[in-house]
Each structure stands twice: as C-alpha cells, then as structure tokens.
Amino acid sequence: MTGISKHFDGVRALKSASLDVRPREVHALLGENGAGKSTLMKVLAGVYPADEGSIVLDGQLIHPHNYHQAIQAGISMIFQEPSLFESLTVAENLFIEKLRDTG
C-alpha cells in the first residue's frame, strides 16, 4: 500500500499512508485512537475505497471494491468488531469466505 489517503465528510482519516508487508513477516499496526489503523486496513480489505494511493499484491495493482474482491485477491482480515463463529478455529474464521466459496 502506497500513498493511501482517505477522507470522511471533510475529516482526513489517512494522509499518504504506506504499508509494506512481505511473505513470512509478522506485523503489528499500533497507534492512538483515531490514528487511522482501522481505516487503512478497511481500505486494504475493500470496505472503503481509497481517495488516493495504490495497492500492489504479488506485483499486480489491485483495486478491491468490496470485501469479497479482496478475499478473491488473497486478502483476509478479522475486523475490530468481529462477527466470529465460536465453534470455528481462528484460521477457519479468517478464511470463512474461502470455505464458503469451496462448499
């Protein structure tokens, strides 16, 4: 993710934010309330469109317009306000959409 900006009703939620993640790396996204962490992740997951910036995955520019498209591209996320299935494992909850698609 490079140069991601997002505004809501005149309020700047993100200004030129960037995030670089590579295979086999673990990252923590930390910051104060209102810093834009959730907004950045929701842009990545296709929940919000970016006003500016780009997302490149495996060398390809992607534009997820909804969460389903993000999942199809290989992006999965558990949201801050989760709707989890208690009977499933963490991994199963992360990939529930893929499980649903494969039946």
PDB file of N, CA and C in Angstrom:
ATOM      1  N   MET A   1       0.861  -1.158   0.000  1.00  0.00           N
ATOM      2  CA  MET A   1       0.000   0.000   0.000  1.00  0.00           C
ATOM      3  C   MET A   1       0.910   1.225   0.000  1.00  0.00           C
ATOM      4  N   THR A   2       0.642   2.131  -0.910  1.00  0.00           N
ATOM      5  CA  THR A   2       1.490   3.310  -1.023  1.00  0.00           C
ATOM      6  C   THR A   2       0.638   4.554  -1.213  1.00  0.00           C
ATOM      7  N   GLY A   3       0.909   5.575  -0.386  1.00  0.00           N
ATOM      8  CA  GLY A   3       0.264   6.868  -0.551  1.00  0.00           C
ATOM      9  C   GLY A   3      -1.234   6.858  -0.346  1.00  0.00           C
ATOM     10  N   ILE A   4      -1.712   6.016   0.558  1.00  0.00           N
ATOM     11  CA  ILE A   4      -3.157   5.883   0.764  1.00  0.00           C
ATOM     12  C   ILE A   4      -3.685   7.079   1.554  1.00  0.00           C
ATOM     13  N   SER A   5      -4.693   7.741   0.991  1.00  0.00           N
ATOM     14  CA  SER A   5      -5.382   8.842   1.664  1.00  0.00           C
ATOM     15  C   SER A   5      -6.873   8.551   1.663  1.00  0.00           C
ATOM     16  N   LYS A   6      -7.531   8.955   2.744  1.00  0.00           N
ATOM     17  CA  LYS A   6      -8.976   8.748   2.867  1.00  0.00           C
ATOM     18  C   LYS A   6      -9.571   9.862   3.701  1.00  0.00           C
ATOM     19  N   HIS A   7     -10.685  10.432   3.201  1.00  0.00           N
ATOM     20  CA  HIS A   7     -11.414  11.494   3.890  1.00  0.00           C
ATOM     21  C   HIS A   7     -12.851  11.046   4.119  1.00  0.00           C
ATOM     22  N   PHE A   8     -13.426  11.450   5.225  1.00  0.00           N
ATOM     23  CA  PHE A   8     -14.835  11.221   5.520  1.00  0.00           C
ATOM     24  C   PHE A   8     -15.463  12.564   5.866  1.00  0.00           C
ATOM     25  N   ASP A   9     -16.385  13.036   5.058  1.00  0.00           N
ATOM     26  CA  ASP A   9     -17.091  14.292   5.326  1.00  0.00           C
ATOM     27  C   ASP A   9     -16.154  15.412   5.764  1.00  0.00           C
ATOM     28  N   GLY A  10     -15.078  15.602   5.030  1.00  0.00           N
ATOM     29  CA  GLY A  10     -14.145  16.678   5.326  1.00  0.00           C
ATOM     30  C   GLY A  10     -13.110  16.358   6.397  1.00  0.00           C
ATOM     31  N   VAL A  11     -13.200  15.205   7.020  1.00  0.00           N
ATOM     32  CA  VAL A  11     -12.230  14.802   8.049  1.00  0.00           C
ATOM     33  C   VAL A  11     -11.203  13.887   7.397  1.00  0.00           C
ATOM     34  N   ARG A  12      -9.925  14.229   7.535  1.00  0.00           N
ATOM     35  CA  ARG A  12      -8.860  13.415   6.962  1.00  0.00           C
ATOM     36  C   ARG A  12      -8.567  12.249   7.899  1.00  0.00           C
ATOM     37  N   ALA A  13      -8.865  11.039   7.452  1.00  0.00           N
ATOM     38  CA  ALA A  13      -8.593   9.847   8.246  1.00  0.00           C
ATOM     39  C   ALA A  13      -7.195   9.306   7.965  1.00  0.00           C
ATOM     40  N   LEU A  14      -6.754   9.421   6.721  1.00  0.00           N
ATOM     41  CA  LEU A  14      -5.415   8.963   6.314  1.00  0.00           C
ATOM     42  C   LEU A  14      -4.813   9.980   5.366  1.00  0.00           C
ATOM     43  N   LYS A  15      -3.533  10.238   5.527  1.00  0.00           N
ATOM     44  CA  LYS A  15      -2.825  11.125   4.603  1.00  0.00           C
ATOM     45  C   LYS A  15      -1.545  10.432   4.152  1.00  0.00           C
ATOM     46  N   SER A  16      -1.553   9.948   2.925  1.00  0.00           N
ATOM     47  CA  SER A  16      -0.384   9.356   2.297  1.00  0.00           C
ATOM     48  C   SER A  16       0.238   8.240   3.139  1.00  0.00           C
ATOM     49  N   ALA A  17      -0.609   7.339   3.655  1.00  0.00           N
ATOM     50  CA  ALA A  17      -0.130   6.213   4.466  1.00  0.00           C
ATOM     51  C   ALA A  17       0.407   5.104   3.564  1.00  0.00           C
ATOM     52  N   SER A  18       1.437   4.439   4.034  1.00  0.00           N
ATOM     53  CA  SER A  18       2.025   3.333   3.284  1.00  0.00           C
ATOM     54  C   SER A  18       2.292   2.163   4.214  1.00  0.00           C
ATOM     55  N   LEU A  19       2.182   0.966   3.676  1.00  0.00           N
ATOM     56  CA  LEU A  19       2.439  -0.263   4.434  1.00  0.00           C
ATOM     57  C   LEU A  19       3.025  -1.277   3.472  1.00  0.00           C
ATOM     58  N   ASP A  20       4.161  -1.847   3.850  1.00  0.00           N
ATOM     59  CA  ASP A  20       4.830  -2.844   3.026  1.00  0.00           C
ATOM     60  C   ASP A  20       4.918  -4.134   3.831  1.00  0.00           C
ATOM     61  N   VAL A  21       4.292  -5.187   3.333  1.00  0.00           N
ATOM     62  CA  VAL A  21       4.278  -6.479   4.011  1.00  0.00           C
ATOM     63  C   VAL A  21       4.796  -7.526   3.036  1.00  0.00           C
ATOM     64  N   ARG A  22       5.682  -8.367   3.518  1.00  0.00           N
ATOM     65  CA  ARG A  22       6.264  -9.415   2.673  1.00  0.00           C
ATOM     66  C   ARG A  22       5.916 -10.787   3.253  1.00  0.00           C
ATOM     67  N   PRO A  23       5.985 -11.828   2.431  1.00  0.00           N
ATOM     68  CA  PRO A  23       5.668 -13.179   2.933  1.00  0.00           C
ATOM     69  C   PRO A  23       6.521 -13.555   4.150  1.00  0.00           C
ATOM     70  N   ARG A  24       5.915 -14.273   5.052  1.00  0.00           N
ATOM     71  CA  ARG A  24       6.554 -14.815   6.264  1.00  0.00           C
ATOM     72  C   ARG A  24       6.933 -13.735   7.268  1.00  0.00           C
ATOM     73  N   GLU A  25       6.397 -12.533   7.131  1.00  0.00           N
ATOM     74  CA  GLU A  25       6.627 -11.477   8.107  1.00  0.00           C
ATOM     75  C   GLU A  25       5.390 -11.323   8.977  1.00  0.00           C
ATOM     76  N   VAL A  26       5.606 -10.916  10.203  1.00  0.00           N
ATOM     77  CA  VAL A  26       4.514 -10.622  11.123  1.00  0.00           C
ATOM     78  C   VAL A  26       4.611  -9.145  11.481  1.00  0.00           C
ATOM     79  N   HIS A  27       3.496  -8.451  11.416  1.00  0.00           N
ATOM     80  CA  HIS A  27       3.478  -7.025  11.697  1.00  0.00           C
ATOM     81  C   HIS A  27       2.406  -6.710  12.723  1.00  0.00           C
ATOM     82  N   ALA A  28       2.630  -5.660  13.473  1.00  0.00           N
ATOM     83  CA  ALA A  28       1.619  -5.109  14.369  1.00  0.00           C
ATOM     84  C   ALA A  28       1.388  -3.668  13.935  1.00  0.00           C
ATOM     85  N   LEU A  29       0.148  -3.297  13.836  1.00  0.00           N
ATOM     86  CA  LEU A  29      -0.212  -1.940  13.473  1.00  0.00           C
ATOM     87  C   LEU A  29      -0.690  -1.248  14.737  1.00  0.00           C
ATOM     88  N   LEU A  30       0.127  -0.321  15.241  1.00  0.00           N
ATOM     89  CA  LEU A  30      -0.130   0.317  16.528  1.00  0.00           C
ATOM     90  C   LEU A  30      -0.308   1.811  16.368  1.00  0.00           C
ATOM     91  N   GLY A  31      -1.086   2.396  17.257  1.00  0.00           N
ATOM     92  CA  GLY A  31      -1.262   3.841  17.252  1.00  0.00           C
ATOM     93  C   GLY A  31      -2.412   4.238  18.142  1.00  0.00           C
ATOM     94  N   GLU A  32      -2.513   5.525  18.379  1.00  0.00           N
ATOM     95  CA  GLU A  32      -3.571   6.051  19.225  1.00  0.00           C
ATOM     96  C   GLU A  32      -4.928   5.890  18.552  1.00  0.00           C
ATOM     97  N   ASN A  33      -5.985   5.993  19.354  1.00  0.00           N
ATOM     98  CA  ASN A  33      -7.328   6.007  18.797  1.00  0.00           C
ATOM     99  C   ASN A  33      -7.435   7.154  17.806  1.00  0.00           C
ATOM    100  N   GLY A  34      -8.029   6.863  16.660  1.00  0.00           N
ATOM    101  CA  GLY A  34      -8.184   7.893  15.640  1.00  0.00           C
ATOM    102  C   GLY A  34      -6.988   8.070  14.735  1.00  0.00           C
ATOM    103  N   ALA A  35      -5.964   7.226  14.890  1.00  0.00           N
ATOM    104  CA  ALA A  35      -4.753   7.357  14.076  1.00  0.00           C
ATOM    105  C   ALA A  35      -4.937   6.848  12.646  1.00  0.00           C
ATOM    106  N   GLY A  36      -6.002   6.068  12.395  1.00  0.00           N
ATOM    107  CA  GLY A  36      -6.259   5.581  11.039  1.00  0.00           C
ATOM    108  C   GLY A  36      -5.943   4.117  10.804  1.00  0.00           C
ATOM    109  N   LYS A  37      -5.633   3.374  11.861  1.00  0.00           N
ATOM    110  CA  LYS A  37      -5.274   1.955  11.710  1.00  0.00           C
ATOM    111  C   LYS A  37      -6.397   1.154  11.057  1.00  0.00           C
ATOM    112  N   SER A  38      -7.575   1.257  11.619  1.00  0.00           N
ATOM    113  CA  SER A  38      -8.723   0.502  11.087  1.00  0.00           C
ATOM    114  C   SER A  38      -9.080   0.977   9.687  1.00  0.00           C
ATOM    115  N   THR A  39      -9.009   2.268   9.452  1.00  0.00           N
ATOM    116  CA  THR A  39      -9.322   2.801   8.128  1.00  0.00           C
ATOM    117  C   THR A  39      -8.355   2.256   7.091  1.00  0.00           C
ATOM    118  N   LEU A  40      -7.070   2.213   7.399  1.00  0.00           N
ATOM    119  CA  LEU A  40      -6.076   1.680   6.468  1.00  0.00           C
ATOM    120  C   LEU A  40      -6.376   0.218   6.141  1.00  0.00           C
ATOM    121  N   MET A  41      -6.703  -0.560   7.152  1.00  0.00           N
ATOM    122  CA  MET A  41      -6.988  -1.971   6.926  1.00  0.00           C
ATOM    123  C   MET A  41      -8.295  -2.167   6.154  1.00  0.00           C
ATOM    124  N   LYS A  42      -9.264  -1.304   6.394  1.00  0.00           N
ATOM    125  CA  LYS A  42     -10.523  -1.406   5.648  1.00  0.00           C
ATOM    126  C   LYS A  42     -10.346  -0.995   4.195  1.00  0.00           C
ATOM    127  N   VAL A  43      -9.412  -0.095   3.905  1.00  0.00           N
ATOM    128  CA  VAL A  43      -9.083   0.211   2.513  1.00  0.00           C
ATOM    129  C   VAL A  43      -8.460  -1.024   1.868  1.00  0.00           C
ATOM    130  N   LEU A  44      -7.534  -1.662   2.563  1.00  0.00           N
ATOM    131  CA  LEU A  44      -6.901  -2.882   2.044  1.00  0.00           C
ATOM    132  C   LEU A  44      -7.930  -3.975   1.791  1.00  0.00           C
ATOM    133  N   ALA A  45      -8.912  -4.097   2.686  1.00  0.00           N
ATOM    134  CA  ALA A  45      -9.917  -5.154   2.592  1.00  0.00           C
ATOM    135  C   ALA A  45     -11.087  -4.796   1.674  1.00  0.00           C
ATOM    136  N   GLY A  46     -11.032  -3.637   1.021  1.00  0.00           N
ATOM    137  CA  GLY A  46     -12.080  -3.283   0.075  1.00  0.00           C
ATOM    138  C   GLY A  46     -13.345  -2.734   0.699  1.00  0.00           C
ATOM    139  N   VAL A  47     -13.331  -2.485   2.002  1.00  0.00           N
ATOM    140  CA  VAL A  47     -14.512  -1.942   2.669  1.00  0.00           C
ATOM    141  C   VAL A  47     -14.690  -0.468   2.313  1.00  0.00           C
ATOM    142  N   TYR A  48     -13.582   0.281   2.288  1.00  0.00           N
ATOM    143  CA  TYR A  48     -13.587   1.687   1.897  1.00  0.00           C
ATOM    144  C   TYR A  48     -12.705   1.861   0.667  1.00  0.00           C
ATOM    145  N   PRO A  49     -13.134   2.666  -0.292  1.00  0.00           N
ATOM    146  CA  PRO A  49     -12.230   2.986  -1.406  1.00  0.00           C
ATOM    147  C   PRO A  49     -11.226   4.052  -0.965  1.00  0.00           C
ATOM    148  N   ALA A  50     -10.006   3.942  -1.429  1.00  0.00           N
ATOM    149  CA  ALA A  50      -9.006   4.975  -1.145  1.00  0.00           C
ATOM    150  C   ALA A  50      -9.306   6.195  -2.008  1.00  0.00           C
ATOM    151  N   ASP A  51      -9.101   7.373  -1.444  1.00  0.00           N
ATOM    152  CA  ASP A  51      -9.227   8.602  -2.226  1.00  0.00           C
ATOM    153  C   ASP A  51      -7.985   8.796  -3.095  1.00  0.00           C
ATOM    154  N   GLU A  52      -6.846   8.333  -2.587  1.00  0.00           N
ATOM    155  CA  GLU A  52      -5.575   8.403  -3.312  1.00  0.00           C
ATOM    156  C   GLU A  52      -4.750   7.192  -2.928  1.00  0.00           C
ATOM    157  N   GLY A  53      -3.766   6.865  -3.757  1.00  0.00           N
ATOM    158  CA  GLY A  53      -2.822   5.805  -3.440  1.00  0.00           C
ATOM    159  C   GLY A  53      -3.083   4.535  -4.221  1.00  0.00           C
ATOM    160  N   SER A  54      -2.249   3.531  -3.950  1.00  0.00           N
ATOM    161  CA  SER A  54      -2.347   2.273  -4.686  1.00  0.00           C
ATOM    162  C   SER A  54      -2.057   1.083  -3.774  1.00  0.00           C
ATOM    163  N   ILE A  55      -2.577  -0.052  -4.200  1.00  0.00           N
ATOM    164  CA  ILE A  55      -2.343  -1.316  -3.505  1.00  0.00           C
ATOM    165  C   ILE A  55      -1.762  -2.279  -4.537  1.00  0.00           C
ATOM    166  N   VAL A  56      -0.597  -2.820  -4.222  1.00  0.00           N
ATOM    167  CA  VAL A  56       0.061  -3.786  -5.109  1.00  0.00           C
ATOM    168  C   VAL A  56       0.197  -5.093  -4.341  1.00  0.00           C
ATOM    169  N   LEU A  57      -0.292  -6.175  -4.935  1.00  0.00           N
ATOM    170  CA  LEU A  57      -0.230  -7.504  -4.330  1.00  0.00           C
ATOM    171  C   LEU A  57       0.391  -8.458  -5.338  1.00  0.00           C
ATOM    172  N   ASP A  58       1.475  -9.100  -4.951  1.00  0.00           N
ATOM    173  CA  ASP A  58       2.193 -10.020  -5.842  1.00  0.00           C
ATOM    174  C   ASP A  58       2.549  -9.354  -7.171  1.00  0.00           C
ATOM    175  N   GLY A  59       2.960  -8.078  -7.099  1.00  0.00           N
ATOM    176  CA  GLY A  59       3.389  -7.358  -8.286  1.00  0.00           C
ATOM    177  C   GLY A  59       2.265  -6.813  -9.147  1.00  0.00           C
ATOM    178  N   GLN A  60       1.020  -7.036  -8.751  1.00  0.00           N
ATOM    179  CA  GLN A  60      -0.124  -6.584  -9.531  1.00  0.00           C
ATOM    180  C   GLN A  60      -0.871  -5.480  -8.793  1.00  0.00           C
ATOM    181  N   LEU A  61      -1.205  -4.426  -9.498  1.00  0.00           N
ATOM    182  CA  LEU A  61      -2.014  -3.355  -8.932  1.00  0.00           C
ATOM    183  C   LEU A  61      -3.433  -3.878  -8.769  1.00  0.00           C
ATOM    184  N   ILE A  62      -3.988  -3.757  -7.555  1.00  0.00           N
ATOM    185  CA  ILE A  62      -5.353  -4.233  -7.322  1.00  0.00           C
ATOM    186  C   ILE A  62      -6.215  -3.079  -6.812  1.00  0.00           C
ATOM    187  N   HIS A  63      -7.505  -3.203  -7.052  1.00  0.00           N
ATOM    188  CA  HIS A  63      -8.479  -2.206  -6.620  1.00  0.00           C
ATOM    189  C   HIS A  63      -9.686  -2.940  -6.040  1.00  0.00           C
ATOM    190  N   PRO A  64      -9.572  -3.508  -4.835  1.00  0.00           N
ATOM    191  CA  PRO A  64     -10.739  -4.213  -4.296  1.00  0.00           C
ATOM    192  C   PRO A  64     -11.866  -3.225  -3.993  1.00  0.00           C
ATOM    193  N   HIS A  65     -13.023  -3.447  -4.616  1.00  0.00           N
ATOM    194  CA  HIS A  65     -14.166  -2.560  -4.426  1.00  0.00           C
ATOM    195  C   HIS A  65     -15.110  -3.061  -3.341  1.00  0.00           C
ATOM    196  N   ASN A  66     -14.827  -4.260  -2.833  1.00  0.00           N
ATOM    197  CA  ASN A  66     -15.606  -4.805  -1.725  1.00  0.00           C
ATOM    198  C   ASN A  66     -14.787  -5.925  -1.077  1.00  0.00           C
ATOM    199  N   TYR A  67     -15.259  -6.394   0.066  1.00  0.00           N
ATOM    200  CA  TYR A  67     -14.515  -7.400   0.822  1.00  0.00           C
ATOM    201  C   TYR A  67     -14.392  -8.707   0.036  1.00  0.00           C
ATOM    202  N   HIS A  68     -15.416  -9.062  -0.711  1.00  0.00           N
ATOM    203  CA  HIS A  68     -15.358 -10.303  -1.493  1.00  0.00           C
ATOM    204  C   HIS A  68     -14.235 -10.242  -2.525  1.00  0.00           C
ATOM    205  N   GLN A  69     -14.061  -9.110  -3.190  1.00  0.00           N
ATOM    206  CA  GLN A  69     -12.970  -8.971  -4.160  1.00  0.00           C
ATOM    207  C   GLN A  69     -11.611  -9.050  -3.467  1.00  0.00           C
ATOM    208  N   ALA A  70     -11.509  -8.469  -2.279  1.00  0.00           N
ATOM    209  CA  ALA A  70     -10.248  -8.550  -1.530  1.00  0.00           C
ATOM    210  C   ALA A  70      -9.931  -9.998  -1.187  1.00  0.00           C
ATOM    211  N   ILE A  71     -10.925 -10.740  -0.760  1.00  0.00           N
ATOM    212  CA  ILE A  71     -10.730 -12.155  -0.424  1.00  0.00           C
ATOM    213  C   ILE A  71     -10.281 -12.924  -1.662  1.00  0.00           C
ATOM    214  N   GLN A  72     -10.903 -12.664  -2.794  1.00  0.00           N
ATOM    215  CA  GLN A  72     -10.512 -13.338  -4.030  1.00  0.00           C
ATOM    216  C   GLN A  72      -9.065 -13.025  -4.404  1.00  0.00           C
ATOM    217  N   ALA A  73      -8.590 -11.839  -4.028  1.00  0.00           N
ATOM    218  CA  ALA A  73      -7.202 -11.449  -4.311  1.00  0.00           C
ATOM    219  C   ALA A  73      -6.225 -12.072  -3.316  1.00  0.00           C
ATOM    220  N   GLY A  74      -6.749 -12.654  -2.218  1.00  0.00           N
ATOM    221  CA  GLY A  74      -5.891 -13.288  -1.222  1.00  0.00           C
ATOM    222  C   GLY A  74      -5.754 -12.502   0.066  1.00  0.00           C
ATOM    223  N   ILE A  75      -6.586 -11.491   0.257  1.00  0.00           N
ATOM    224  CA  ILE A  75      -6.547 -10.667   1.464  1.00  0.00           C
ATOM    225  C   ILE A  75      -7.653 -11.124   2.404  1.00  0.00           C
ATOM    226  N   SER A  76      -7.288 -11.362   3.653  1.00  0.00           N
ATOM    227  CA  SER A  76      -8.282 -11.757   4.644  1.00  0.00           C
ATOM    228  C   SER A  76      -8.006 -10.987   5.919  1.00  0.00           C
ATOM    229  N   MET A  77      -9.072 -10.676   6.654  1.00  0.00           N
ATOM    230  CA  MET A  77      -8.875  -9.906   7.866  1.00  0.00           C
ATOM    231  C   MET A  77     -10.016 -10.183   8.837  1.00  0.00           C
ATOM    232  N   ILE A  78      -9.689 -10.120  10.115  1.00  0.00           N
ATOM    233  CA  ILE A  78     -10.716 -10.152  11.150  1.00  0.00           C
ATOM    234  C   ILE A  78     -10.867  -8.721  11.628  1.00  0.00           C
ATOM    235  N   PHE A  79     -12.076  -8.202  11.535  1.00  0.00           N
ATOM    236  CA  PHE A  79     -12.322  -6.805  11.849  1.00  0.00           C
ATOM    237  C   PHE A  79     -12.355  -6.556  13.352  1.00  0.00           C
ATOM    238  N   GLN A  80     -12.176  -5.302  13.719  1.00  0.00           N
ATOM    239  CA  GLN A  80     -12.155  -4.885  15.113  1.00  0.00           C
ATOM    240  C   GLN A  80     -13.466  -5.234  15.808  1.00  0.00           C
ATOM    241  N   GLU A  81     -14.573  -5.154  15.093  1.00  0.00           N
ATOM    242  CA  GLU A  81     -15.879  -5.528  15.621  1.00  0.00           C
ATOM    243  C   GLU A  81     -16.249  -6.863  14.978  1.00  0.00           C
ATOM    244  N   PRO A  82     -15.663  -7.956  15.457  1.00  0.00           N
ATOM    245  CA  PRO A  82     -15.806  -9.231  14.744  1.00  0.00           C
ATOM    246  C   PRO A  82     -17.177  -9.868  14.910  1.00  0.00           C
ATOM    247  N   SER A  83     -17.541 -10.576  13.861  1.00  0.00           N
ATOM    248  CA  SER A  83     -18.684 -11.474  13.900  1.00  0.00           C
ATOM    249  C   SER A  83     -18.105 -12.867  13.695  1.00  0.00           C
ATOM    250  N   LEU A  84     -17.548 -13.420  14.757  1.00  0.00           N
ATOM    251  CA  LEU A  84     -16.856 -14.694  14.663  1.00  0.00           C
ATOM    252  C   LEU A  84     -17.794 -15.853  14.943  1.00  0.00           C
ATOM    253  N   PHE A  85     -17.419 -16.998  14.425  1.00  0.00           N
ATOM    254  CA  PHE A  85     -18.117 -18.238  14.715  1.00  0.00           C
ATOM    255  C   PHE A  85     -17.350 -18.936  15.832  1.00  0.00           C
ATOM    256  N   GLU A  86     -17.924 -18.983  17.001  1.00  0.00           N
ATOM    257  CA  GLU A  86     -17.217 -19.521  18.166  1.00  0.00           C
ATOM    258  C   GLU A  86     -16.826 -20.984  18.015  1.00  0.00           C
ATOM    259  N   SER A  87     -17.555 -21.725  17.186  1.00  0.00           N
ATOM    260  CA  SER A  87     -17.251 -23.145  17.016  1.00  0.00           C
ATOM    261  C   SER A  87     -16.087 -23.388  16.051  1.00  0.00           C
ATOM    262  N   LEU A  88     -15.620 -22.332  15.369  1.00  0.00           N
ATOM    263  CA  LEU A  88     -14.522 -22.471  14.410  1.00  0.00           C
ATOM    264  C   LEU A  88     -13.211 -21.996  15.017  1.00  0.00           C
ATOM    265  N   THR A  89     -12.113 -22.475  14.460  1.00  0.00           N
ATOM    266  CA  THR A  89     -10.789 -22.044  14.887  1.00  0.00           C
ATOM    267  C   THR A  89     -10.511 -20.636  14.350  1.00  0.00           C
ATOM    268  N   VAL A  90      -9.437 -20.027  14.826  1.00  0.00           N
ATOM    269  CA  VAL A  90      -9.034 -18.712  14.317  1.00  0.00           C
ATOM    270  C   VAL A  90      -8.802 -18.798  12.809  1.00  0.00           C
ATOM    271  N   ALA A  91      -8.083 -19.817  12.361  1.00  0.00           N
ATOM    272  CA  ALA A  91      -7.792 -19.968  10.932  1.00  0.00           C
ATOM    273  C   ALA A  91      -9.083 -20.135  10.133  1.00  0.00           C
ATOM    274  N   GLU A  92     -10.022 -20.918  10.635  1.00  0.00           N
ATOM    275  CA  GLU A  92     -11.285 -21.108   9.927  1.00  0.00           C
ATOM    276  C   GLU A  92     -12.075 -19.796   9.856  1.00  0.00           C
ATOM    277  N   ASN A  93     -12.055 -19.013  10.923  1.00  0.00           N
ATOM    278  CA  ASN A  93     -12.722 -17.715  10.902  1.00  0.00           C
ATOM    279  C   ASN A  93     -12.064 -16.773   9.903  1.00  0.00           C
ATOM    280  N   LEU A  94     -10.725 -16.804   9.811  1.00  0.00           N
ATOM    281  CA  LEU A  94     -10.018 -15.951   8.854  1.00  0.00           C
ATOM    282  C   LEU A  94     -10.390 -16.287   7.415  1.00  0.00           C
ATOM    283  N   PHE A  95     -10.606 -17.555   7.141  1.00  0.00           N
ATOM    284  CA  PHE A  95     -10.836 -17.992   5.769  1.00  0.00           C
ATOM    285  C   PHE A  95     -12.255 -18.465   5.530  1.00  0.00           C
ATOM    286  N   ILE A  96     -13.211 -17.995   6.354  1.00  0.00           N
ATOM    287  CA  ILE A  96     -14.592 -18.444   6.235  1.00  0.00           C
ATOM    288  C   ILE A  96     -15.166 -18.192   4.846  1.00  0.00           C
ATOM    289  N   GLU A  97     -14.826 -17.076   4.229  1.00  0.00           N
ATOM    290  CA  GLU A  97     -15.325 -16.788   2.886  1.00  0.00           C
ATOM    291  C   GLU A  97     -14.786 -17.785   1.869  1.00  0.00           C
ATOM    292  N   LYS A  98     -13.523 -18.150   2.001  1.00  0.00           N
ATOM    293  CA  LYS A  98     -12.955 -19.147   1.088  1.00  0.00           C
ATOM    294  C   LYS A  98     -13.619 -20.504   1.323  1.00  0.00           C
ATOM    295  N   LEU A  99     -13.860 -20.858   2.587  1.00  0.00           N
ATOM    296  CA  LEU A  99     -14.542 -22.116   2.894  1.00  0.00           C
ATOM    297  C   LEU A  99     -15.935 -22.134   2.297  1.00  0.00           C
ATOM    298  N   ARG A 100     -16.631 -21.001   2.388  1.00  0.00           N
ATOM    299  CA  ARG A 100     -17.985 -20.887   1.845  1.00  0.00           C
ATOM    300  C   ARG A 100     -17.965 -21.034   0.339  1.00  0.00           C
ATOM    301  N   ASP A 101     -16.974 -20.428  -0.329  1.00  0.00           N
ATOM    302  CA  ASP A 101     -16.901 -20.483  -1.786  1.00  0.00           C
ATOM    303  C   ASP A 101     -16.599 -21.883  -2.302  1.00  0.00           C
ATOM    304  N   THR A 102     -15.850 -22.683  -1.510  1.00  0.00           N
ATOM    305  CA  THR A 102     -15.485 -24.029  -1.951  1.00  0.00           C
ATOM    306  C   THR A 102     -16.485 -25.065  -1.492  1.00  0.00           C
ATOM    307  N   GLY A 103     -17.408 -24.669  -0.615  1.00  0.00           N
ATOM    308  CA  GLY A 103     -18.509 -25.509  -0.172  1.00  0.00           C
ATOM    309  C   GLY A 103     -18.055 -26.648   0.646  1.00  0.00           C
TER     310      GLY A 103
END
